Amino acid sequence: MTVRRTVLGLEAADRILQNNRTRHAALLERMQEPNRWFTGPWLCKTYQAECQRTRDMIAEAMISRHLLETITEVFGYPIKQESFRRLLSAESLASVPKALTKGPTLNLLAESSPPRPLVIGVSPEVIELLQDWNVPPQVFASLRKMLPERQLKAARLMIALKRVSFHYAQLLATLTPASQLVDPSRPRKKFVGVTADELAIMETEFDVLNDEFLFCASLRGIWALELIAARLDLDRMMENARVVRHLARDFPEQLARFQTILDTPAGQEALPSQPAKTGRTHFVF
């Protein structure tokens, strides 16, 4: 009976994978991890390199958000004044993007769906996410050690970081807290030169960093669009002589900061700690 259920399970997995037009149908039957695991030094080196790469990508994604927050902060002073709002209305500039007054979007509506049966220990949602990637069989072997929710997070990380590889999947499995493993009672592998406390710290730091990255990755496109809309509207205001004169008289500091923002060509904004190139001039009347 057990053999028959296994055969039927493999057939069902094959049908699901073929229906999803994936190239992983033949992989699930071979998804065994190799015997060679990380060594302690290799684990530490890979962990540090991946953390730094993730931090760099977070910083890059945060450029649009940081600039949006700066624009919102600067714009908040004059927009509170009735005289400035009347001027914008008179100049047909009263309709401003939400991001210009409210700041960048910081949350998305979470989509929820009922859990689906696992395909030989792997979440169907994960298989669908990876359907267009060349996935080594060993990746699925690492994923099925995790609970479905953790599998989904791991798949999203691999795709967003373009790290759909066995070594990265193994790193994710190694640094998965015991509570998120299918068999939390199974003894954890020990690494030479890495104490249990150090491994626990790595787990926590890696999880926090990856959560921040996924948050930024999910909103990066929205922030970029909101920044484009905010810059366009700000540019319209700065091309209006009456608005510029009003700002120069009542809000000279805000005017100077608006000019600095618009002087930086779109797409060439720098990190807050880096200088930005300038390339345009607005006149103060």
C-alpha atoms as a PDB file:
ATOM      1  CA  MET A   1       0.000   0.000   0.000  1.00  0.00           C
ATOM      2  CA  THR A   2       2.857   2.374   0.846  1.00  0.00           C
ATOM      3  CA  VAL A   3       4.534   1.677  -2.510  1.00  0.00           C
ATOM      4  CA  ARG A   4       1.288   2.297  -4.365  1.00  0.00           C
ATOM      5  CA  ARG A   5       0.733   5.635  -2.578  1.00  0.00           C
ATOM      6  CA  THR A   6       4.287   6.657  -3.437  1.00  0.00           C
ATOM      7  CA  VAL A   7       3.773   5.800  -7.125  1.00  0.00           C
ATOM      8  CA  LEU A   8       0.469   7.662  -7.209  1.00  0.00           C
ATOM      9  CA  GLY A   9       2.110  10.618  -5.480  1.00  0.00           C
ATOM     10  CA  LEU A  10       4.846  10.743  -8.110  1.00  0.00           C
ATOM     11  CA  GLU A  11       2.276  10.541 -10.899  1.00  0.00           C
ATOM     12  CA  ALA A  12       0.209  13.339  -9.351  1.00  0.00           C
ATOM     13  CA  ALA A  13       3.330  15.468  -8.952  1.00  0.00           C
ATOM     14  CA  ASP A  14       4.241  14.870 -12.577  1.00  0.00           C
ATOM     15  CA  ARG A  15       0.766  15.902 -13.782  1.00  0.00           C
ATOM     16  CA  ILE A  16       0.780  19.072 -11.680  1.00  0.00           C
ATOM     17  CA  LEU A  17       4.214  20.056 -12.880  1.00  0.00           C
ATOM     18  CA  GLN A  18       3.409  19.383 -16.528  1.00  0.00           C
ATOM     19  CA  ASN A  19       0.172  21.370 -16.263  1.00  0.00           C
ATOM     20  CA  ASN A  20       2.173  24.302 -14.905  1.00  0.00           C
ATOM     21  CA  ARG A  21       4.569  24.070 -17.861  1.00  0.00           C
ATOM     22  CA  THR A  22       7.557  23.636 -15.548  1.00  0.00           C
ATOM     23  CA  ARG A  23      10.787  21.879 -16.310  1.00  0.00           C
ATOM     24  CA  HIS A  24      10.990  20.275 -12.885  1.00  0.00           C
ATOM     25  CA  ALA A  25       8.883  17.151 -13.396  1.00  0.00           C
ATOM     26  CA  ALA A  26      11.881  14.848 -13.593  1.00  0.00           C
ATOM     27  CA  LEU A  27      13.665  16.542 -10.721  1.00  0.00           C
ATOM     28  CA  LEU A  28      11.398  15.648  -7.823  1.00  0.00           C
ATOM     29  CA  GLU A  29      12.227  11.963  -8.112  1.00  0.00           C
ATOM     30  CA  ARG A  30      15.946  12.751  -7.789  1.00  0.00           C
ATOM     31  CA  MET A  31      15.857  15.499  -5.175  1.00  0.00           C
ATOM     32  CA  GLN A  32      18.474  14.243  -2.769  1.00  0.00           C
ATOM     33  CA  GLU A  33      21.077  16.477  -1.170  1.00  0.00           C
ATOM     34  CA  PRO A  34      24.721  15.554  -1.833  1.00  0.00           C
ATOM     35  CA  ASN A  35      26.667  14.160   1.096  1.00  0.00           C
ATOM     36  CA  ARG A  36      29.121  17.066   1.028  1.00  0.00           C
ATOM     37  CA  TRP A  37      27.885  19.870   3.319  1.00  0.00           C
ATOM     38  CA  PHE A  38      29.204  23.268   4.256  1.00  0.00           C
ATOM     39  CA  THR A  39      32.354  23.410   6.323  1.00  0.00           C
ATOM     40  CA  GLY A  40      32.500  25.972   9.127  1.00  0.00           C
ATOM     41  CA  PRO A  41      34.757  28.463   7.281  1.00  0.00           C
ATOM     42  CA  TRP A  42      32.787  28.072   4.056  1.00  0.00           C
ATOM     43  CA  LEU A  43      29.517  28.666   5.903  1.00  0.00           C
ATOM     44  CA  CYS A  44      30.841  31.866   7.502  1.00  0.00           C
ATOM     45  CA  LYS A  45      32.312  33.129   4.240  1.00  0.00           C
ATOM     46  CA  THR A  46      29.116  32.450   2.271  1.00  0.00           C
ATOM     47  CA  TYR A  47      26.948  33.933   5.021  1.00  0.00           C
ATOM     48  CA  GLN A  48      28.956  37.165   5.119  1.00  0.00           C
ATOM     49  CA  ALA A  49      29.033  37.514   1.336  1.00  0.00           C
ATOM     50  CA  GLU A  50      25.286  36.944   0.947  1.00  0.00           C
ATOM     51  CA  CYS A  51      24.467  39.324   3.807  1.00  0.00           C
ATOM     52  CA  GLN A  52      26.568  42.071   2.220  1.00  0.00           C
ATOM     53  CA  ARG A  53      24.988  41.512  -1.187  1.00  0.00           C
ATOM     54  CA  THR A  54      21.515  41.660   0.356  1.00  0.00           C
ATOM     55  CA  ARG A  55      22.353  44.866   2.251  1.00  0.00           C
ATOM     56  CA  ASP A  56      23.579  46.475  -0.975  1.00  0.00           C
ATOM     57  CA  MET A  57      20.343  45.586  -2.758  1.00  0.00           C
ATOM     58  CA  ILE A  58      18.274  46.936   0.149  1.00  0.00           C
ATOM     59  CA  ALA A  59      20.222  50.202   0.044  1.00  0.00           C
ATOM     60  CA  GLU A  60      19.648  50.508  -3.691  1.00  0.00           C
ATOM     61  CA  ALA A  61      15.914  49.902  -3.302  1.00  0.00           C
ATOM     62  CA  MET A  62      15.744  52.456  -0.479  1.00  0.00           C
ATOM     63  CA  ILE A  63      16.996  55.318  -2.684  1.00  0.00           C
ATOM     64  CA  SER A  64      13.527  56.023  -4.113  1.00  0.00           C
ATOM     65  CA  ARG A  65      11.875  55.709  -0.704  1.00  0.00           C
ATOM     66  CA  HIS A  66      14.423  58.033   0.923  1.00  0.00           C
ATOM     67  CA  LEU A  67      13.988  60.686  -1.760  1.00  0.00           C
ATOM     68  CA  LEU A  68      10.185  60.425  -1.564  1.00  0.00           C
ATOM     69  CA  GLU A  69      10.325  60.907   2.194  1.00  0.00           C
ATOM     70  CA  THR A  70      12.583  63.931   1.726  1.00  0.00           C
ATOM     71  CA  ILE A  71      10.218  65.502  -0.818  1.00  0.00           C
ATOM     72  CA  THR A  72       7.227  64.879   1.461  1.00  0.00           C
ATOM     73  CA  GLU A  73       9.023  66.403   4.437  1.00  0.00           C
ATOM     74  CA  VAL A  74      10.065  69.524   2.516  1.00  0.00           C
ATOM     75  CA  PHE A  75       6.690  69.945   0.801  1.00  0.00           C
ATOM     76  CA  GLY A  76       4.879  69.595   4.136  1.00  0.00           C
ATOM     77  CA  TYR A  77       5.900  73.085   5.324  1.00  0.00           C
ATOM     78  CA  PRO A  78       4.469  75.258   2.511  1.00  0.00           C
ATOM     79  CA  ILE A  79       1.416  73.076   1.835  1.00  0.00           C
ATOM     80  CA  LYS A  80       0.184  73.770   5.376  1.00  0.00           C
ATOM     81  CA  GLN A  81      -0.159  77.448   4.498  1.00  0.00           C
ATOM     82  CA  GLU A  82      -3.539  78.553   3.166  1.00  0.00           C
ATOM     83  CA  SER A  83      -1.928  81.200   0.940  1.00  0.00           C
ATOM     84  CA  PHE A  84       0.227  78.578  -0.789  1.00  0.00           C
ATOM     85  CA  ARG A  85      -2.710  76.222  -1.310  1.00  0.00           C
ATOM     86  CA  ARG A  86      -4.752  79.076  -2.854  1.00  0.00           C
ATOM     87  CA  LEU A  87      -1.862  79.897  -5.155  1.00  0.00           C
ATOM     88  CA  LEU A  88      -1.589  76.280  -6.328  1.00  0.00           C
ATOM     89  CA  SER A  89      -5.339  76.220  -6.964  1.00  0.00           C
ATOM     90  CA  ALA A  90      -5.184  79.467  -8.949  1.00  0.00           C
ATOM     91  CA  GLU A  91      -2.347  78.074 -11.065  1.00  0.00           C
ATOM     92  CA  SER A  92      -4.155  74.734 -11.684  1.00  0.00           C
ATOM     93  CA  LEU A  93      -1.571  72.920  -9.560  1.00  0.00           C
ATOM     94  CA  ALA A  94      -3.811  71.962  -6.650  1.00  0.00           C
ATOM     95  CA  SER A  95      -4.063  68.302  -7.637  1.00  0.00           C
ATOM     96  CA  VAL A  96      -0.856  66.703  -6.368  1.00  0.00           C
ATOM     97  CA  PRO A  97       0.100  62.999  -6.193  1.00  0.00           C
ATOM     98  CA  LYS A  98      -0.603  61.264  -2.901  1.00  0.00           C
ATOM     99  CA  ALA A  99       3.096  60.433  -2.521  1.00  0.00           C
ATOM    100  CA  LEU A 100       3.925  64.157  -2.530  1.00  0.00           C
ATOM    101  CA  THR A 101       1.857  64.767   0.595  1.00  0.00           C
ATOM    102  CA  LYS A 102       1.539  61.360   2.258  1.00  0.00           C
ATOM    103  CA  GLY A 103       4.937  59.859   1.500  1.00  0.00           C
ATOM    104  CA  PRO A 104       5.822  56.468  -0.016  1.00  0.00           C
ATOM    105  CA  THR A 105       3.575  53.430   0.218  1.00  0.00           C
ATOM    106  CA  LEU A 106       4.693  51.280   3.137  1.00  0.00           C
ATOM    107  CA  ASN A 107       2.323  48.339   3.000  1.00  0.00           C
ATOM    108  CA  LEU A 108       0.532  46.156   0.509  1.00  0.00           C
ATOM    109  CA  LEU A 109      -2.636  44.153   0.959  1.00  0.00           C
ATOM    110  CA  ALA A 110      -1.577  40.616   1.755  1.00  0.00           C
ATOM    111  CA  GLU A 111      -3.045  37.942  -0.468  1.00  0.00           C
ATOM    112  CA  SER A 112      -4.133  34.796   1.293  1.00  0.00           C
ATOM    113  CA  SER A 113      -5.152  31.472  -0.166  1.00  0.00           C
ATOM    114  CA  PRO A 114      -6.097  28.140   1.404  1.00  0.00           C
ATOM    115  CA  PRO A 115      -3.178  25.713   1.845  1.00  0.00           C
ATOM    116  CA  ARG A 116      -2.737  23.151  -0.915  1.00  0.00           C
ATOM    117  CA  PRO A 117      -1.422  19.587  -0.573  1.00  0.00           C
ATOM    118  CA  LEU A 118       2.339  19.257  -0.778  1.00  0.00           C
ATOM    119  CA  VAL A 119       3.896  17.626  -3.827  1.00  0.00           C
ATOM    120  CA  ILE A 120       6.376  15.122  -2.383  1.00  0.00           C
ATOM    121  CA  GLY A 121       7.091  17.518   0.463  1.00  0.00           C
ATOM    122  CA  VAL A 122       7.273  20.672  -1.670  1.00  0.00           C
ATOM    123  CA  SER A 123       4.651  23.419  -1.699  1.00  0.00           C
ATOM    124  CA  PRO A 124       2.809  23.719  -5.061  1.00  0.00           C
ATOM    125  CA  GLU A 125       3.120  27.507  -4.786  1.00  0.00           C
ATOM    126  CA  VAL A 126       6.892  27.124  -4.637  1.00  0.00           C
ATOM    127  CA  ILE A 127       6.907  24.884  -7.711  1.00  0.00           C
ATOM    128  CA  GLU A 128       4.860  27.460  -9.606  1.00  0.00           C
ATOM    129  CA  LEU A 129       7.179  30.300  -8.553  1.00  0.00           C
ATOM    130  CA  LEU A 130      10.217  28.376  -9.797  1.00  0.00           C
ATOM    131  CA  GLN A 131       8.647  27.091 -12.998  1.00  0.00           C
ATOM    132  CA  ASP A 132      10.641  29.419 -15.265  1.00  0.00           C
ATOM    133  CA  TRP A 133      13.992  28.810 -13.582  1.00  0.00           C
ATOM    134  CA  ASN A 134      16.574  26.105 -14.109  1.00  0.00           C
ATOM    135  CA  VAL A 135      16.467  24.500 -10.682  1.00  0.00           C
ATOM    136  CA  PRO A 136      18.986  21.831  -9.593  1.00  0.00           C
ATOM    137  CA  PRO A 137      17.197  18.848  -7.990  1.00  0.00           C
ATOM    138  CA  GLN A 138      19.105  19.404  -4.751  1.00  0.00           C
ATOM    139  CA  VAL A 139      17.304  22.744  -4.278  1.00  0.00           C
ATOM    140  CA  PHE A 140      14.011  20.914  -3.740  1.00  0.00           C
ATOM    141  CA  ALA A 141      15.742  18.553  -1.313  1.00  0.00           C
ATOM    142  CA  SER A 142      16.743  21.540   0.820  1.00  0.00           C
ATOM    143  CA  LEU A 143      13.326  23.187   0.515  1.00  0.00           C
ATOM    144  CA  ARG A 144      11.340  20.175   1.670  1.00  0.00           C
ATOM    145  CA  LYS A 145      13.155  20.250   5.012  1.00  0.00           C
ATOM    146  CA  MET A 146      11.213  23.465   5.716  1.00  0.00           C
ATOM    147  CA  LEU A 147       7.572  24.076   6.522  1.00  0.00           C
ATOM    148  CA  PRO A 148       5.506  25.327   3.513  1.00  0.00           C
ATOM    149  CA  GLU A 149       5.498  28.978   4.648  1.00  0.00           C
ATOM    150  CA  ARG A 150       9.267  28.930   5.008  1.00  0.00           C
ATOM    151  CA  GLN A 151       9.613  27.202   1.615  1.00  0.00           C
ATOM    152  CA  LEU A 152       7.647  30.027   0.006  1.00  0.00           C
ATOM    153  CA  LYS A 153       9.817  32.670   1.640  1.00  0.00           C
ATOM    154  CA  ALA A 154      12.971  30.837   0.537  1.00  0.00           C
ATOM    155  CA  ALA A 155      11.734  30.617  -3.059  1.00  0.00           C
ATOM    156  CA  ARG A 156      10.906  34.318  -3.148  1.00  0.00           C
ATOM    157  CA  LEU A 157      14.353  35.148  -1.812  1.00  0.00           C
ATOM    158  CA  MET A 158      16.113  32.964  -4.363  1.00  0.00           C
ATOM    159  CA  ILE A 159      14.175  34.557  -7.215  1.00  0.00           C
ATOM    160  CA  ALA A 160      14.491  38.164  -6.017  1.00  0.00           C
ATOM    161  CA  LEU A 161      18.218  37.730  -5.366  1.00  0.00           C
ATOM    162  CA  LYS A 162      18.712  35.659  -8.529  1.00  0.00           C
ATOM    163  CA  ARG A 163      20.191  32.938  -6.350  1.00  0.00           C
ATOM    164  CA  VAL A 164      18.297  29.844  -7.500  1.00  0.00           C
ATOM    165  CA  SER A 165      21.129  27.483  -6.659  1.00  0.00           C
ATOM    166  CA  PHE A 166      21.748  24.554  -4.362  1.00  0.00           C
ATOM    167  CA  HIS A 167      24.363  26.375  -2.298  1.00  0.00           C
ATOM    168  CA  TYR A 168      22.005  29.253  -1.516  1.00  0.00           C
ATOM    169  CA  ALA A 169      19.122  26.864  -0.813  1.00  0.00           C
ATOM    170  CA  GLN A 170      21.409  24.913   1.516  1.00  0.00           C
ATOM    171  CA  LEU A 171      22.415  28.136   3.267  1.00  0.00           C
ATOM    172  CA  LEU A 172      18.727  28.979   3.760  1.00  0.00           C
ATOM    173  CA  ALA A 173      18.019  25.504   5.127  1.00  0.00           C
ATOM    174  CA  THR A 174      21.032  25.635   7.431  1.00  0.00           C
ATOM    175  CA  LEU A 175      19.952  28.999   8.875  1.00  0.00           C
ATOM    176  CA  THR A 176      16.280  28.100   9.222  1.00  0.00           C
ATOM    177  CA  PRO A 177      15.129  28.139  12.879  1.00  0.00           C
ATOM    178  CA  ALA A 178      14.184  24.705  14.209  1.00  0.00           C
ATOM    179  CA  SER A 179      10.572  25.871  14.692  1.00  0.00           C
ATOM    180  CA  GLN A 180      10.255  26.322  10.910  1.00  0.00           C
ATOM    181  CA  LEU A 181      11.629  22.911   9.986  1.00  0.00           C
ATOM    182  CA  VAL A 182       9.492  19.876   9.185  1.00  0.00           C
ATOM    183  CA  ASP A 183      11.365  17.889  11.833  1.00  0.00           C
ATOM    184  CA  PRO A 184      12.395  20.372  14.561  1.00  0.00           C
ATOM    185  CA  SER A 185      13.618  17.546  16.803  1.00  0.00           C
ATOM    186  CA  ARG A 186      16.279  16.454  14.353  1.00  0.00           C
ATOM    187  CA  PRO A 187      19.779  17.319  15.660  1.00  0.00           C
ATOM    188  CA  ARG A 188      21.298  20.316  13.898  1.00  0.00           C
ATOM    189  CA  LYS A 189      24.541  19.899  12.020  1.00  0.00           C
ATOM    190  CA  LYS A 190      27.577  21.209  13.867  1.00  0.00           C
ATOM    191  CA  PHE A 191      30.249  23.254  12.111  1.00  0.00           C
ATOM    192  CA  VAL A 192      33.882  23.434  13.094  1.00  0.00           C
ATOM    193  CA  GLY A 193      34.679  26.920  14.369  1.00  0.00           C
ATOM    194  CA  VAL A 194      31.018  27.933  14.748  1.00  0.00           C
ATOM    195  CA  THR A 195      29.429  27.593  18.184  1.00  0.00           C
ATOM    196  CA  ALA A 196      25.727  26.922  18.730  1.00  0.00           C
ATOM    197  CA  ASP A 197      25.271  30.485  20.028  1.00  0.00           C
ATOM    198  CA  GLU A 198      27.011  31.961  16.988  1.00  0.00           C
ATOM    199  CA  LEU A 199      24.821  29.877  14.675  1.00  0.00           C
ATOM    200  CA  ALA A 200      21.710  31.099  16.512  1.00  0.00           C
ATOM    201  CA  ILE A 201      22.831  34.718  16.059  1.00  0.00           C
ATOM    202  CA  MET A 202      23.422  34.078  12.352  1.00  0.00           C
ATOM    203  CA  GLU A 203      19.917  32.589  12.038  1.00  0.00           C
ATOM    204  CA  THR A 204      18.296  35.650  13.625  1.00  0.00           C
ATOM    205  CA  GLU A 205      20.342  38.224  11.698  1.00  0.00           C
ATOM    206  CA  PHE A 206      19.834  36.427   8.398  1.00  0.00           C
ATOM    207  CA  ASP A 207      16.082  36.217   8.963  1.00  0.00           C
ATOM    208  CA  VAL A 208      15.740  39.907   9.862  1.00  0.00           C
ATOM    209  CA  LEU A 209      17.857  40.951   6.877  1.00  0.00           C
ATOM    210  CA  ASN A 210      15.877  38.765   4.466  1.00  0.00           C
ATOM    211  CA  ASP A 211      12.561  40.078   5.803  1.00  0.00           C
ATOM    212  CA  GLU A 212      13.742  43.636   5.175  1.00  0.00           C
ATOM    213  CA  PHE A 213      14.918  42.707   1.693  1.00  0.00           C
ATOM    214  CA  LEU A 214      11.610  41.066   0.738  1.00  0.00           C
ATOM    215  CA  PHE A 215       9.751  44.118   2.047  1.00  0.00           C
ATOM    216  CA  CYS A 216      11.880  46.453  -0.104  1.00  0.00           C
ATOM    217  CA  ALA A 217      11.694  44.140  -3.121  1.00  0.00           C
ATOM    218  CA  SER A 218       7.878  44.040  -2.949  1.00  0.00           C
ATOM    219  CA  LEU A 219       7.612  47.855  -2.872  1.00  0.00           C
ATOM    220  CA  ARG A 220      10.599  48.937  -4.954  1.00  0.00           C
ATOM    221  CA  GLY A 221       8.600  49.248  -8.182  1.00  0.00           C
ATOM    222  CA  ILE A 222       5.830  51.189  -6.446  1.00  0.00           C
ATOM    223  CA  TRP A 223       8.335  53.574  -4.866  1.00  0.00           C
ATOM    224  CA  ALA A 224       9.939  54.188  -8.253  1.00  0.00           C
ATOM    225  CA  LEU A 225       6.559  55.032  -9.852  1.00  0.00           C
ATOM    226  CA  GLU A 226       5.554  57.258  -6.929  1.00  0.00           C
ATOM    227  CA  LEU A 227       8.878  59.080  -7.180  1.00  0.00           C
ATOM    228  CA  ILE A 228       8.354  59.707 -10.905  1.00  0.00           C
ATOM    229  CA  ALA A 229       4.893  61.161 -10.234  1.00  0.00           C
ATOM    230  CA  ALA A 230       6.173  63.320  -7.360  1.00  0.00           C
ATOM    231  CA  ARG A 231       9.099  64.649  -9.396  1.00  0.00           C
ATOM    232  CA  LEU A 232       6.875  65.487 -12.365  1.00  0.00           C
ATOM    233  CA  ASP A 233       4.468  67.433 -10.184  1.00  0.00           C
ATOM    234  CA  LEU A 234       7.287  69.170  -8.344  1.00  0.00           C
ATOM    235  CA  ASP A 235       8.848  70.052 -11.686  1.00  0.00           C
ATOM    236  CA  ARG A 236       5.585  71.664 -12.832  1.00  0.00           C
ATOM    237  CA  MET A 237       5.542  73.819  -9.719  1.00  0.00           C
ATOM    238  CA  MET A 238       9.160  74.868 -10.150  1.00  0.00           C
ATOM    239  CA  GLU A 239       8.465  75.910 -13.741  1.00  0.00           C
ATOM    240  CA  ASN A 240       5.709  78.247 -12.545  1.00  0.00           C
ATOM    241  CA  ALA A 241       7.086  81.758 -11.926  1.00  0.00           C
ATOM    242  CA  ARG A 242       4.419  82.740  -9.362  1.00  0.00           C
ATOM    243  CA  VAL A 243       4.965  79.580  -7.306  1.00  0.00           C
ATOM    244  CA  VAL A 244       8.752  80.000  -7.376  1.00  0.00           C
ATOM    245  CA  ARG A 245       8.489  83.665  -6.307  1.00  0.00           C
ATOM    246  CA  HIS A 246       6.177  82.693  -3.443  1.00  0.00           C
ATOM    247  CA  LEU A 247       8.567  79.978  -2.277  1.00  0.00           C
ATOM    248  CA  ALA A 248      11.574  82.299  -2.605  1.00  0.00           C
ATOM    249  CA  ARG A 249       9.850  84.906  -0.417  1.00  0.00           C
ATOM    250  CA  ASP A 250       8.266  82.692   2.259  1.00  0.00           C
ATOM    251  CA  PHE A 251      10.087  79.351   2.056  1.00  0.00           C
ATOM    252  CA  PRO A 252      13.634  79.932   0.704  1.00  0.00           C
ATOM    253  CA  GLU A 253      15.047  76.860   2.453  1.00  0.00           C
ATOM    254  CA  GLN A 254      12.391  74.586   0.963  1.00  0.00           C
ATOM    255  CA  LEU A 255      12.929  76.131  -2.487  1.00  0.00           C
ATOM    256  CA  ALA A 256      16.661  75.410  -2.292  1.00  0.00           C
ATOM    257  CA  ARG A 257      16.005  71.774  -1.350  1.00  0.00           C
ATOM    258  CA  PHE A 258      13.468  71.396  -4.176  1.00  0.00           C
ATOM    259  CA  GLN A 259      16.061  72.688  -6.618  1.00  0.00           C
ATOM    260  CA  THR A 260      18.649  70.229  -5.293  1.00  0.00           C
ATOM    261  CA  ILE A 261      16.219  67.353  -5.749  1.00  0.00           C
ATOM    262  CA  LEU A 262      15.323  68.332  -9.304  1.00  0.00           C
ATOM    263  CA  ASP A 263      18.943  69.048 -10.216  1.00  0.00           C
ATOM    264  CA  THR A 264      19.667  65.333  -9.881  1.00  0.00           C
ATOM    265  CA  PRO A 265      18.731  63.516 -13.125  1.00  0.00           C
ATOM    266  CA  ALA A 266      16.054  60.862 -12.654  1.00  0.00           C
ATOM    267  CA  GLY A 267      17.617  57.442 -12.205  1.00  0.00           C
ATOM    268  CA  GLN A 268      20.931  58.881 -10.980  1.00  0.00           C
ATOM    269  CA  GLU A 269      19.949  59.501  -7.386  1.00  0.00           C
ATOM    270  CA  ALA A 270      22.650  58.446  -4.957  1.00  0.00           C
ATOM    271  CA  LEU A 271      22.554  56.801  -1.575  1.00  0.00           C
ATOM    272  CA  PRO A 272      22.314  59.351   1.259  1.00  0.00           C
ATOM    273  CA  SER A 273      26.022  58.870   2.043  1.00  0.00           C
ATOM    274  CA  GLN A 274      27.115  59.381  -1.575  1.00  0.00           C
ATOM    275  CA  PRO A 275      27.317  62.595  -3.632  1.00  0.00           C
ATOM    276  CA  ALA A 276      24.835  62.960  -6.471  1.00  0.00           C
ATOM    277  CA  LYS A 277      25.494  64.394  -9.888  1.00  0.00           C
ATOM    278  CA  THR A 278      23.704  67.606 -10.834  1.00  0.00           C
ATOM    279  CA  GLY A 279      22.635  68.643 -14.267  1.00  0.00           C
ATOM    280  CA  ARG A 280      19.938  71.328 -14.460  1.00  0.00           C
ATOM    281  CA  THR A 281      19.134  74.785 -13.148  1.00  0.00           C
ATOM    282  CA  HIS A 282      15.887  76.444 -12.052  1.00  0.00           C
ATOM    283  CA  PHE A 283      15.691  80.196 -11.889  1.00  0.00           C
ATOM    284  CA  VAL A 284      14.454  82.108  -8.868  1.00  0.00           C
ATOM    285  CA  PHE A 285      12.362  85.067  -9.893  1.00  0.00           C
END
